[in-house]
């Protein structure tokens, strides 16, 4: 079964999405994302996720159209998880990015977005009460500045 994504408000098959090589997110990590859990069709902690998302968009100097609201995005998430058959338990990733442009070209400040969903496993939906083993990846240092709280599209330090 093919999975679908919500690409700028339209539900499309994943393989139909095409991002230009001139896209600022692809080139420079210009954008941000939220990873959201959906259980029984309900977007969990929606207020907190959207508060961080919209704060990030302001810091990144996006133009926020009047229609681009938490209600609009929640509706898009709900429609997508239903289409993908993930309403019971889903992991959702909402990526907001700027369009095409050069390094110093901020003419297009509009938010573009992709919402994806994956089926979650109910048996993994519990708090870990046995603790964690953690380590420090000393090859990457995270700075403490205005951008620190943004889950930016440049996720390399965490991916490594």
Protein backbone atom coordinates (compact mmCIF):
# COMPACT_ATOMS: atom_id res chain seq x y z
CA UNK A 1 0.00 0.00 0.00
CA UNK A 2 1.33 3.41 -0.97
CA UNK A 3 1.60 6.04 1.74
CA UNK A 4 0.38 9.58 1.28
CA UNK A 5 1.61 12.94 2.54
CA UNK A 6 -0.01 16.32 2.91
CA UNK A 7 2.00 18.58 0.63
CA UNK A 8 0.98 22.22 1.07
CA UNK A 9 -2.61 21.29 1.85
CA UNK A 10 -3.09 18.55 -0.75
CA UNK A 11 -3.03 14.83 -0.03
CA UNK A 12 -0.65 13.23 -2.55
CA UNK A 13 1.22 9.95 -2.90
CA UNK A 14 4.69 10.20 -1.40
CA UNK A 15 6.37 9.46 -4.72
CA UNK A 16 4.62 12.49 -6.33
CA UNK A 17 6.36 15.03 -4.10
CA UNK A 18 9.22 16.82 -5.83
CA UNK A 19 11.50 19.28 -4.07
CA UNK A 20 13.64 21.51 -6.28
CA UNK A 21 17.42 21.34 -5.84
CA UNK A 22 17.18 25.14 -5.42
CA UNK A 23 14.96 24.72 -2.36
CA UNK A 24 16.39 26.67 0.60
CA UNK A 25 15.61 23.88 3.07
CA UNK A 26 17.40 21.33 0.90
CA UNK A 27 20.37 23.67 0.40
CA UNK A 28 20.66 25.39 3.77
CA UNK A 29 18.36 23.67 6.28
CA UNK A 30 16.07 26.73 6.12
CA UNK A 31 13.00 25.61 8.02
CA UNK A 32 11.82 23.69 11.04
CA UNK A 33 9.82 20.62 11.99
CA UNK A 34 7.70 19.01 14.69
CA UNK A 35 7.29 15.31 15.41
CA UNK A 36 3.82 14.68 16.78
CA UNK A 37 2.00 11.66 18.18
CA UNK A 38 -1.63 10.93 17.19
CA UNK A 39 -3.70 8.46 19.20
CA UNK A 40 -7.32 7.62 18.35
CA UNK A 41 -7.39 10.52 15.89
CA UNK A 42 -6.30 13.06 18.53
CA UNK A 43 -3.19 15.17 17.99
CA UNK A 44 -1.43 14.94 21.36
CA UNK A 45 0.06 18.06 22.96
CA UNK A 46 -1.09 20.08 19.94
CA UNK A 47 -0.92 23.43 21.78
CA UNK A 48 2.71 22.89 22.78
CA UNK A 49 3.78 21.64 19.34
CA UNK A 50 2.15 24.55 17.52
CA UNK A 51 3.40 27.10 20.03
CA UNK A 52 6.99 25.97 19.34
CA UNK A 53 6.36 25.76 15.58
CA UNK A 54 4.94 29.28 15.27
CA UNK A 55 7.62 30.75 17.58
CA UNK A 56 10.22 29.15 15.32
CA UNK A 57 8.57 30.59 12.21
CA UNK A 58 8.67 34.08 13.73
CA UNK A 59 12.35 33.73 14.69
CA UNK A 60 13.14 32.45 11.17
CA UNK A 61 11.26 35.46 9.70
CA UNK A 62 8.62 33.51 7.79
CA UNK A 63 5.53 35.35 6.53
CA UNK A 64 2.58 33.59 8.18
CA UNK A 65 -0.58 33.80 6.04
CA UNK A 66 -3.90 34.17 7.88
CA UNK A 67 -5.02 30.65 6.87
CA UNK A 68 -1.81 29.05 8.23
CA UNK A 69 -3.03 28.29 11.74
CA UNK A 70 -2.81 25.45 14.22
CA UNK A 71 -6.40 24.54 13.30
CA UNK A 72 -5.50 24.35 9.59
CA UNK A 73 -2.48 22.15 10.30
CA UNK A 74 -4.36 19.95 12.78
CA UNK A 75 -7.05 19.38 10.17
CA UNK A 76 -4.36 18.44 7.64
CA UNK A 77 -2.80 15.98 10.09
CA UNK A 78 -6.16 14.39 10.89
CA UNK A 79 -7.03 14.05 7.19
CA UNK A 80 -3.65 12.47 6.45
CA UNK A 81 -3.65 9.90 9.25
CA UNK A 82 -7.16 8.87 8.21
CA UNK A 83 -6.09 8.50 4.55
CA UNK A 84 -3.04 6.43 5.57
CA UNK A 85 -5.05 4.30 8.03
CA UNK A 86 -2.96 5.53 10.97
CA UNK A 87 -5.68 7.12 13.11
CA UNK A 88 -5.31 4.62 15.97
CA UNK A 89 -1.65 5.35 16.63
CA UNK A 90 0.65 7.43 14.44
CA UNK A 91 3.92 9.27 14.40
CA UNK A 92 3.59 12.46 12.36
CA UNK A 93 6.32 14.72 11.06
CA UNK A 94 5.40 18.25 10.02
CA UNK A 95 8.17 20.05 8.12
CA UNK A 96 7.86 23.75 7.28
CA UNK A 97 10.32 25.18 4.79
CA UNK A 98 10.95 28.18 2.58
CA UNK A 99 10.81 27.91 -1.21
CA UNK A 100 13.59 28.23 -3.76
CA UNK A 101 16.28 30.87 -3.47
CA UNK A 102 19.92 31.68 -3.11
CA UNK A 103 21.75 32.06 0.21
CA UNK A 104 20.89 35.75 0.68
CA UNK A 105 17.59 35.64 -1.23
CA UNK A 106 14.72 35.88 1.21
CA UNK A 107 12.14 37.14 -1.30
CA UNK A 108 9.87 34.12 -0.74
CA UNK A 109 9.16 34.14 2.99
CA UNK A 110 6.05 31.95 2.66
CA UNK A 111 5.79 28.69 4.59
CA UNK A 112 5.60 25.52 2.52
CA UNK A 113 5.03 22.25 4.30
CA UNK A 114 4.95 18.48 4.16
CA UNK A 115 3.12 16.35 6.70
CA UNK A 116 3.99 12.64 6.81
CA UNK A 117 2.57 9.87 8.99
CA UNK A 118 3.75 6.42 9.99
CA UNK A 119 1.87 3.76 11.88
CA UNK A 120 2.97 3.51 15.49
CA UNK A 121 3.08 0.46 17.69
CA UNK A 122 0.77 0.56 20.69
CA UNK A 123 3.17 -1.68 22.66
CA UNK A 124 5.82 1.08 22.47
CA UNK A 125 3.48 3.71 23.93
CA UNK A 126 4.62 3.59 27.54
CA UNK A 127 6.95 5.47 29.83
CA UNK A 128 10.36 3.94 30.29
CA UNK A 129 10.59 3.15 33.99
CA UNK A 130 13.92 1.30 33.80
CA UNK A 131 16.08 4.27 32.81
CA UNK A 132 18.28 5.00 29.80
CA UNK A 133 21.90 4.58 28.85
CA UNK A 134 23.15 7.83 27.34
CA UNK A 135 26.38 9.02 25.90
CA UNK A 136 27.92 12.25 24.73
CA UNK A 137 28.75 12.78 21.07
CA UNK A 138 31.68 15.14 21.46
CA UNK A 139 32.13 15.73 17.72
CA UNK A 140 29.11 18.08 17.65
CA UNK A 141 28.48 20.99 20.00
CA UNK A 142 25.09 22.70 20.18
CA UNK A 143 25.28 26.43 20.62
CA UNK A 144 23.08 28.32 23.05
CA UNK A 145 21.56 31.19 21.08
CA UNK A 146 18.28 32.45 19.63
CA UNK A 147 18.05 29.40 17.35
CA UNK A 148 18.71 26.79 20.06
CA UNK A 149 15.04 26.03 20.73
CA UNK A 150 14.20 25.56 17.05
CA UNK A 151 13.94 22.02 15.71
CA UNK A 152 15.58 23.15 12.47
CA UNK A 153 15.76 21.26 9.21
CA UNK A 154 19.51 21.05 9.77
CA UNK A 155 19.33 18.06 12.10
CA UNK A 156 22.84 16.77 11.45
CA UNK A 157 24.19 16.94 15.03
CA UNK A 158 21.32 14.71 16.21
CA UNK A 159 21.42 12.37 13.24
CA UNK A 160 25.08 11.68 13.90
